């Protein structure tokens, strides 16, 4: 139910297993592509924190959290293209 409510608020929600898989991939070669802040956001999210919890913990806005989470799914080529 928490995921439905969070999605209704516009939050990005990962199932714990999906977040764990993403974390394993991030620790590999892809980690070099992510910013330190994106990694921090991902670690909070993988731990089950809400976007609001992440924002409070990192002293950023919820919109910034959402932006970082969306950025995790942008292909590397698109992240750095002019």
PDB file of N, CA and C in Angstrom:
ATOM      1  N   UNK A   1       0.818  -1.184   0.000  1.00  0.00           N
ATOM      2  CA  UNK A   1       0.000   0.000   0.000  1.00  0.00           C
ATOM      3  C   UNK A   1       0.870   1.259   0.000  1.00  0.00           C
ATOM      4  N   UNK A   2       2.010   1.195   0.669  1.00  0.00           N
ATOM      5  CA  UNK A   2       2.917   2.340   0.717  1.00  0.00           C
ATOM      6  C   UNK A   2       3.372   2.722  -0.679  1.00  0.00           C
ATOM      7  N   UNK A   3       3.638   1.710  -1.522  1.00  0.00           N
ATOM      8  CA  UNK A   3       4.100   1.978  -2.881  1.00  0.00           C
ATOM      9  C   UNK A   3       3.025   2.679  -3.696  1.00  0.00           C
ATOM     10  N   UNK A   4       1.776   2.283  -3.524  1.00  0.00           N
ATOM     11  CA  UNK A   4       0.675   2.917  -4.256  1.00  0.00           C
ATOM     12  C   UNK A   4       0.541   4.374  -3.829  1.00  0.00           C
ATOM     13  N   UNK A   5       0.589   4.617  -2.539  1.00  0.00           N
ATOM     14  CA  UNK A   5       0.491   5.985  -2.030  1.00  0.00           C
ATOM     15  C   UNK A   5       1.662   6.832  -2.503  1.00  0.00           C
ATOM     16  N   UNK A   6       2.854   6.265  -2.455  1.00  0.00           N
ATOM     17  CA  UNK A   6       4.044   6.998  -2.892  1.00  0.00           C
ATOM     18  C   UNK A   6       3.961   7.320  -4.375  1.00  0.00           C
ATOM     19  N   UNK A   7       3.525   6.370  -5.179  1.00  0.00           N
ATOM     20  CA  UNK A   7       3.389   6.596  -6.616  1.00  0.00           C
ATOM     21  C   UNK A   7       2.350   7.676  -6.886  1.00  0.00           C
ATOM     22  N   UNK A   8       1.268   7.664  -6.147  1.00  0.00           N
ATOM     23  CA  UNK A   8       0.227   8.685  -6.300  1.00  0.00           C
ATOM     24  C   UNK A   8       0.767  10.079  -5.994  1.00  0.00           C
ATOM     25  N   UNK A   9       1.765  10.158  -5.117  1.00  0.00           N
ATOM     26  CA  UNK A   9       2.398  11.439  -4.791  1.00  0.00           C
ATOM     27  C   UNK A   9       3.473  11.815  -5.801  1.00  0.00           C
ATOM     28  N   UNK A  10       3.687  10.960  -6.801  1.00  0.00           N
ATOM     29  CA  UNK A  10       4.689  11.251  -7.820  1.00  0.00           C
ATOM     30  C   UNK A  10       6.077  10.765  -7.474  1.00  0.00           C
ATOM     31  N   UNK A  11       6.202   9.951  -6.437  1.00  0.00           N
ATOM     32  CA  UNK A  11       7.506   9.428  -6.052  1.00  0.00           C
ATOM     33  C   UNK A  11       7.881   8.246  -6.930  1.00  0.00           C
ATOM     34  N   UNK A  12       9.168   8.027  -7.074  1.00  0.00           N
ATOM     35  CA  UNK A  12       9.674   6.860  -7.783  1.00  0.00           C
ATOM     36  C   UNK A  12       9.844   5.757  -6.755  1.00  0.00           C
ATOM     37  N   UNK A  13       9.278   4.576  -7.027  1.00  0.00           N
ATOM     38  CA  UNK A  13       9.298   3.485  -6.062  1.00  0.00           C
ATOM     39  C   UNK A  13       9.954   2.261  -6.679  1.00  0.00           C
ATOM     40  N   UNK A  14      10.877   1.673  -5.949  1.00  0.00           N
ATOM     41  CA  UNK A  14      11.522   0.433  -6.363  1.00  0.00           C
ATOM     42  C   UNK A  14      11.121  -0.666  -5.396  1.00  0.00           C
ATOM     43  N   UNK A  15      10.879  -1.852  -5.914  1.00  0.00           N
ATOM     44  CA  UNK A  15      10.720  -3.007  -5.040  1.00  0.00           C
ATOM     45  C   UNK A  15      12.079  -3.264  -4.401  1.00  0.00           C
ATOM     46  N   UNK A  16      12.127  -3.723  -3.156  1.00  0.00           N
ATOM     47  CA  UNK A  16      13.416  -3.963  -2.503  1.00  0.00           C
ATOM     48  C   UNK A  16      14.358  -4.837  -3.327  1.00  0.00           C
ATOM     49  N   UNK A  17      13.833  -5.864  -3.967  1.00  0.00           N
ATOM     50  CA  UNK A  17      14.685  -6.741  -4.783  1.00  0.00           C
ATOM     51  C   UNK A  17      15.246  -5.991  -5.981  1.00  0.00           C
ATOM     52  N   UNK A  18      14.432  -5.132  -6.591  1.00  0.00           N
ATOM     53  CA  UNK A  18      14.896  -4.351  -7.739  1.00  0.00           C
ATOM     54  C   UNK A  18      15.952  -3.343  -7.302  1.00  0.00           C
ATOM     55  N   UNK A  19      15.739  -2.720  -6.156  1.00  0.00           N
ATOM     56  CA  UNK A  19      16.716  -1.762  -5.644  1.00  0.00           C
ATOM     57  C   UNK A  19      18.035  -2.461  -5.333  1.00  0.00           C
ATOM     58  N   UNK A  20      17.963  -3.659  -4.767  1.00  0.00           N
ATOM     59  CA  UNK A  20      19.182  -4.414  -4.457  1.00  0.00           C
ATOM     60  C   UNK A  20      19.928  -4.780  -5.730  1.00  0.00           C
ATOM     61  N   UNK A  21      19.191  -5.201  -6.753  1.00  0.00           N
ATOM     62  CA  UNK A  21      19.818  -5.531  -8.035  1.00  0.00           C
ATOM     63  C   UNK A  21      20.470  -4.299  -8.635  1.00  0.00           C
ATOM     64  N   UNK A  22      19.772  -3.181  -8.592  1.00  0.00           N
ATOM     65  CA  UNK A  22      20.332  -1.945  -9.121  1.00  0.00           C
ATOM     66  C   UNK A  22      21.592  -1.551  -8.359  1.00  0.00           C
ATOM     67  N   UNK A  23      21.579  -1.726  -7.045  1.00  0.00           N
ATOM     68  CA  UNK A  23      22.770  -1.404  -6.249  1.00  0.00           C
ATOM     69  C   UNK A  23      23.957  -2.275  -6.650  1.00  0.00           C
ATOM     70  N   UNK A  24      23.718  -3.560  -6.899  1.00  0.00           N
ATOM     71  CA  UNK A  24      24.818  -4.438  -7.325  1.00  0.00           C
ATOM     72  C   UNK A  24      25.386  -3.970  -8.654  1.00  0.00           C
ATOM     73  N   UNK A  25      24.512  -3.581  -9.557  1.00  0.00           N
ATOM     74  CA  UNK A  25      24.980  -3.101 -10.861  1.00  0.00           C
ATOM     75  C   UNK A  25      25.733  -1.787 -10.728  1.00  0.00           C
ATOM     76  N   UNK A  26      25.250  -0.936  -9.845  1.00  0.00           N
ATOM     77  CA  UNK A  26      25.889   0.363  -9.644  1.00  0.00           C
ATOM     78  C   UNK A  26      27.300   0.193  -9.108  1.00  0.00           C
ATOM     79  N   UNK A  27      27.484  -0.782  -8.248  1.00  0.00           N
ATOM     80  CA  UNK A  27      28.809  -1.008  -7.669  1.00  0.00           C
ATOM     81  C   UNK A  27      29.810  -1.487  -8.703  1.00  0.00           C
ATOM     82  N   UNK A  28      29.325  -1.967  -9.812  1.00  0.00           N
ATOM     83  CA  UNK A  28      30.225  -2.442 -10.866  1.00  0.00           C
ATOM     84  C   UNK A  28      30.691  -1.250 -11.693  1.00  0.00           C
ATOM     85  N   UNK A  29      30.933  -1.464 -12.944  1.00  0.00           N
ATOM     86  CA  UNK A  29      31.478  -0.423 -13.821  1.00  0.00           C
ATOM     87  C   UNK A  29      30.579   0.799 -13.921  1.00  0.00           C
ATOM     88  N   UNK A  30      29.290   0.627 -13.764  1.00  0.00           N
ATOM     89  CA  UNK A  30      28.366   1.761 -13.889  1.00  0.00           C
ATOM     90  C   UNK A  30      28.576   2.796 -12.794  1.00  0.00           C
ATOM     91  N   UNK A  31      29.152   2.409 -11.684  1.00  0.00           N
ATOM     92  CA  UNK A  31      29.355   3.335 -10.573  1.00  0.00           C
ATOM     93  C   UNK A  31      30.184   4.536 -10.984  1.00  0.00           C
ATOM     94  N   UNK A  32      31.070   4.365 -11.927  1.00  0.00           N
ATOM     95  CA  UNK A  32      31.908   5.471 -12.377  1.00  0.00           C
ATOM     96  C   UNK A  32      31.091   6.537 -13.089  1.00  0.00           C
ATOM     97  N   UNK A  33      29.915   6.183 -13.584  1.00  0.00           N
ATOM     98  CA  UNK A  33      29.078   7.114 -14.332  1.00  0.00           C
ATOM     99  C   UNK A  33      28.191   7.939 -13.405  1.00  0.00           C
ATOM    100  N   UNK A  34      27.877   7.416 -12.251  1.00  0.00           N
ATOM    101  CA  UNK A  34      26.982   8.103 -11.326  1.00  0.00           C
ATOM    102  C   UNK A  34      27.736   9.109 -10.475  1.00  0.00           C
ATOM    103  N   UNK A  35      27.050  10.186 -10.170  1.00  0.00           N
ATOM    104  CA  UNK A  35      27.652  11.186  -9.289  1.00  0.00           C
ATOM    105  C   UNK A  35      27.616  10.666  -7.849  1.00  0.00           C
ATOM    106  N   UNK A  36      28.464  11.214  -6.999  1.00  0.00           N
ATOM    107  CA  UNK A  36      28.426  10.804  -5.591  1.00  0.00           C
ATOM    108  C   UNK A  36      27.037  11.009  -4.971  1.00  0.00           C
ATOM    109  N   UNK A  37      26.352  12.084  -5.354  1.00  0.00           N
ATOM    110  CA  UNK A  37      25.025  12.355  -4.805  1.00  0.00           C
ATOM    111  C   UNK A  37      24.005  11.328  -5.290  1.00  0.00           C
ATOM    112  N   UNK A  38      24.091  10.932  -6.569  1.00  0.00           N
ATOM    113  CA  UNK A  38      23.197   9.894  -7.080  1.00  0.00           C
ATOM    114  C   UNK A  38      23.391   8.592  -6.309  1.00  0.00           C
ATOM    115  N   UNK A  39      24.634   8.272  -5.996  1.00  0.00           N
ATOM    116  CA  UNK A  39      24.903   7.064  -5.217  1.00  0.00           C
ATOM    117  C   UNK A  39      24.301   7.162  -3.819  1.00  0.00           C
ATOM    118  N   UNK A  40      24.402   8.340  -3.197  1.00  0.00           N
ATOM    119  CA  UNK A  40      23.810   8.524  -1.868  1.00  0.00           C
ATOM    120  C   UNK A  40      22.295   8.336  -1.916  1.00  0.00           C
ATOM    121  N   UNK A  41      21.661   8.944  -2.912  1.00  0.00           N
ATOM    122  CA  UNK A  41      20.209   8.817  -3.058  1.00  0.00           C
ATOM    123  C   UNK A  41      19.831   7.361  -3.266  1.00  0.00           C
ATOM    124  N   UNK A  42      20.583   6.671  -4.109  1.00  0.00           N
ATOM    125  CA  UNK A  42      20.293   5.271  -4.394  1.00  0.00           C
ATOM    126  C   UNK A  42      20.456   4.408  -3.145  1.00  0.00           C
ATOM    127  N   UNK A  43      21.462   4.682  -2.346  1.00  0.00           N
ATOM    128  CA  UNK A  43      21.665   3.910  -1.108  1.00  0.00           C
ATOM    129  C   UNK A  43      20.483   4.082  -0.148  1.00  0.00           C
ATOM    130  N   UNK A  44      20.016   5.318  -0.004  1.00  0.00           N
ATOM    131  CA  UNK A  44      18.839   5.560   0.838  1.00  0.00           C
ATOM    132  C   UNK A  44      17.644   4.793   0.288  1.00  0.00           C
ATOM    133  N   UNK A  45      17.424   4.917  -1.022  1.00  0.00           N
ATOM    134  CA  UNK A  45      16.263   4.287  -1.642  1.00  0.00           C
ATOM    135  C   UNK A  45      16.327   2.769  -1.518  1.00  0.00           C
ATOM    136  N   UNK A  46      17.503   2.222  -1.707  1.00  0.00           N
ATOM    137  CA  UNK A  46      17.660   0.767  -1.596  1.00  0.00           C
ATOM    138  C   UNK A  46      17.366   0.295  -0.178  1.00  0.00           C
ATOM    139  N   UNK A  47      17.550   1.172   0.782  1.00  0.00           N
ATOM    140  CA  UNK A  47      17.250   0.839   2.172  1.00  0.00           C
ATOM    141  C   UNK A  47      15.774   0.976   2.519  1.00  0.00           C
ATOM    142  N   UNK A  48      14.965   1.355   1.535  1.00  0.00           N
ATOM    143  CA  UNK A  48      13.529   1.454   1.757  1.00  0.00           C
ATOM    144  C   UNK A  48      13.030   2.825   2.166  1.00  0.00           C
ATOM    145  N   UNK A  49      13.889   3.829   2.096  1.00  0.00           N
ATOM    146  CA  UNK A  49      13.478   5.178   2.480  1.00  0.00           C
ATOM    147  C   UNK A  49      12.531   5.772   1.439  1.00  0.00           C
ATOM    148  N   UNK A  50      11.617   6.603   1.893  1.00  0.00           N
ATOM    149  CA  UNK A  50      10.747   7.334   0.971  1.00  0.00           C
ATOM    150  C   UNK A  50      11.537   8.502   0.387  1.00  0.00           C
ATOM    151  N   UNK A  51      11.000   9.094  -0.676  1.00  0.00           N
ATOM    152  CA  UNK A  51      11.663  10.265  -1.250  1.00  0.00           C
ATOM    153  C   UNK A  51      11.779  11.376  -0.212  1.00  0.00           C
ATOM    154  N   UNK A  52      10.751  11.521   0.615  1.00  0.00           N
ATOM    155  CA  UNK A  52      10.780  12.541   1.669  1.00  0.00           C
ATOM    156  C   UNK A  52      11.899  12.245   2.668  1.00  0.00           C
ATOM    157  N   UNK A  53      12.046  10.977   3.057  1.00  0.00           N
ATOM    158  CA  UNK A  53      13.116  10.589   3.982  1.00  0.00           C
ATOM    159  C   UNK A  53      14.488  10.875   3.380  1.00  0.00           C
ATOM    160  N   UNK A  54      14.638  10.539   2.106  1.00  0.00           N
ATOM    161  CA  UNK A  54      15.915  10.784   1.422  1.00  0.00           C
ATOM    162  C   UNK A  54      16.203  12.280   1.409  1.00  0.00           C
ATOM    163  N   UNK A  55      15.199  13.071   1.044  1.00  0.00           N
ATOM    164  CA  UNK A  55      15.376  14.522   0.976  1.00  0.00           C
ATOM    165  C   UNK A  55      15.803  15.093   2.326  1.00  0.00           C
ATOM    166  N   UNK A  56      15.129  14.663   3.385  1.00  0.00           N
ATOM    167  CA  UNK A  56      15.481  15.153   4.722  1.00  0.00           C
ATOM    168  C   UNK A  56      16.880  14.703   5.121  1.00  0.00           C
ATOM    169  N   UNK A  57      17.208  13.453   4.819  1.00  0.00           N
ATOM    170  CA  UNK A  57      18.511  12.919   5.198  1.00  0.00           C
ATOM    171  C   UNK A  57      19.677  13.572   4.479  1.00  0.00           C
ATOM    172  N   UNK A  58      19.427  14.017   3.245  1.00  0.00           N
ATOM    173  CA  UNK A  58      20.505  14.613   2.446  1.00  0.00           C
ATOM    174  C   UNK A  58      20.380  16.135   2.331  1.00  0.00           C
ATOM    175  N   UNK A  59      19.360  16.708   2.985  1.00  0.00           N
ATOM    176  CA  UNK A  59      19.140  18.158   2.964  1.00  0.00           C
ATOM    177  C   UNK A  59      18.955  18.681   1.541  1.00  0.00           C
ATOM    178  N   UNK A  60      18.124  17.966   0.779  1.00  0.00           N
ATOM    179  CA  UNK A  60      17.770  18.384  -0.572  1.00  0.00           C
ATOM    180  C   UNK A  60      16.246  18.300  -0.691  1.00  0.00           C
ATOM    181  N   UNK A  61      15.699  18.806  -1.792  1.00  0.00           N
ATOM    182  CA  UNK A  61      14.250  18.751  -1.975  1.00  0.00           C
ATOM    183  C   UNK A  61      13.825  17.392  -2.515  1.00  0.00           C
ATOM    184  N   UNK A  62      12.534  17.090  -2.345  1.00  0.00           N
ATOM    185  CA  UNK A  62      12.004  15.849  -2.906  1.00  0.00           C
ATOM    186  C   UNK A  62      12.117  15.857  -4.426  1.00  0.00           C
ATOM    187  N   UNK A  63      11.952  17.023  -5.038  1.00  0.00           N
ATOM    188  CA  UNK A  63      12.087  17.122  -6.498  1.00  0.00           C
ATOM    189  C   UNK A  63      13.498  16.742  -6.933  1.00  0.00           C
ATOM    190  N   UNK A  64      14.486  17.124  -6.148  1.00  0.00           N
ATOM    191  CA  UNK A  64      15.869  16.771  -6.467  1.00  0.00           C
ATOM    192  C   UNK A  64      16.081  15.273  -6.323  1.00  0.00           C
ATOM    193  N   UNK A  65      15.488  14.674  -5.311  1.00  0.00           N
ATOM    194  CA  UNK A  65      15.569  13.219  -5.135  1.00  0.00           C
ATOM    195  C   UNK A  65      14.996  12.534  -6.367  1.00  0.00           C
ATOM    196  N   UNK A  66      13.805  12.956  -6.795  1.00  0.00           N
ATOM    197  CA  UNK A  66      13.161  12.369  -7.970  1.00  0.00           C
ATOM    198  C   UNK A  66      14.040  12.523  -9.203  1.00  0.00           C
ATOM    199  N   UNK A  67      14.648  13.680  -9.343  1.00  0.00           N
ATOM    200  CA  UNK A  67      15.530  13.923 -10.485  1.00  0.00           C
ATOM    201  C   UNK A  67      16.713  12.961 -10.478  1.00  0.00           C
ATOM    202  N   UNK A  68      17.309  12.771  -9.318  1.00  0.00           N
ATOM    203  CA  UNK A  68      18.434  11.834  -9.216  1.00  0.00           C
ATOM    204  C   UNK A  68      17.994  10.411  -9.543  1.00  0.00           C
ATOM    205  N   UNK A  69      16.839   9.997  -9.038  1.00  0.00           N
ATOM    206  CA  UNK A  69      16.358   8.643  -9.305  1.00  0.00           C
ATOM    207  C   UNK A  69      16.051   8.445 -10.784  1.00  0.00           C
ATOM    208  N   UNK A  70      15.440   9.442 -11.409  1.00  0.00           N
ATOM    209  CA  UNK A  70      15.174   9.331 -12.850  1.00  0.00           C
ATOM    210  C   UNK A  70      16.480   9.266 -13.630  1.00  0.00           C
ATOM    211  N   UNK A  71      17.474   9.999 -13.188  1.00  0.00           N
ATOM    212  CA  UNK A  71      18.765  10.009 -13.864  1.00  0.00           C
ATOM    213  C   UNK A  71      19.453   8.658 -13.881  1.00  0.00           C
ATOM    214  N   UNK A  72      19.099   7.800 -12.943  1.00  0.00           N
ATOM    215  CA  UNK A  72      19.708   6.473 -12.891  1.00  0.00           C
ATOM    216  C   UNK A  72      19.322   5.621 -14.090  1.00  0.00           C
ATOM    217  N   UNK A  73      18.237   5.985 -14.753  1.00  0.00           N
ATOM    218  CA  UNK A  73      17.747   5.182 -15.862  1.00  0.00           C
ATOM    219  C   UNK A  73      18.071   5.773 -17.229  1.00  0.00           C
ATOM    220  N   UNK A  74      18.792   6.874 -17.253  1.00  0.00           N
ATOM    221  CA  UNK A  74      19.181   7.488 -18.520  1.00  0.00           C
ATOM    222  C   UNK A  74      20.451   6.808 -19.007  1.00  0.00           C
ATOM    223  N   UNK A  75      20.457   6.326 -20.256  1.00  0.00           N
ATOM    224  CA  UNK A  75      21.670   5.678 -20.771  1.00  0.00           C
ATOM    225  C   UNK A  75      22.875   6.606 -20.701  1.00  0.00           C
ATOM    226  N   UNK A  76      24.020   6.028 -20.489  1.00  0.00           N
ATOM    227  CA  UNK A  76      25.259   6.794 -20.331  1.00  0.00           C
ATOM    228  C   UNK A  76      25.474   7.770 -21.480  1.00  0.00           C
ATOM    229  N   UNK A  77      25.191   7.333 -22.696  1.00  0.00           N
ATOM    230  CA  UNK A  77      25.415   8.185 -23.860  1.00  0.00           C
ATOM    231  C   UNK A  77      24.582   9.463 -23.776  1.00  0.00           C
ATOM    232  N   UNK A  78      23.397   9.367 -23.235  1.00  0.00           N
ATOM    233  CA  UNK A  78      22.520  10.527 -23.137  1.00  0.00           C
ATOM    234  C   UNK A  78      22.894  11.429 -21.973  1.00  0.00           C
ATOM    235  N   UNK A  79      23.526  10.882 -20.959  1.00  0.00           N
ATOM    236  CA  UNK A  79      23.885  11.672 -19.780  1.00  0.00           C
ATOM    237  C   UNK A  79      24.895  12.753 -20.108  1.00  0.00           C
ATOM    238  N   UNK A  80      25.788  12.478 -21.037  1.00  0.00           N
ATOM    239  CA  UNK A  80      26.888  13.394 -21.299  1.00  0.00           C
ATOM    240  C   UNK A  80      26.868  13.975 -22.702  1.00  0.00           C
ATOM    241  N   UNK A  81      25.757  13.831 -23.418  1.00  0.00           N
ATOM    242  CA  UNK A  81      25.711  14.385 -24.770  1.00  0.00           C
ATOM    243  C   UNK A  81      25.417  15.876 -24.697  1.00  0.00           C
ATOM    244  N   UNK A  82      25.948  16.647 -25.662  1.00  0.00           N
ATOM    245  CA  UNK A  82      25.758  18.112 -25.630  1.00  0.00           C
ATOM    246  C   UNK A  82      24.338  18.541 -25.907  1.00  0.00           C
TER     247      UNK A  82
END
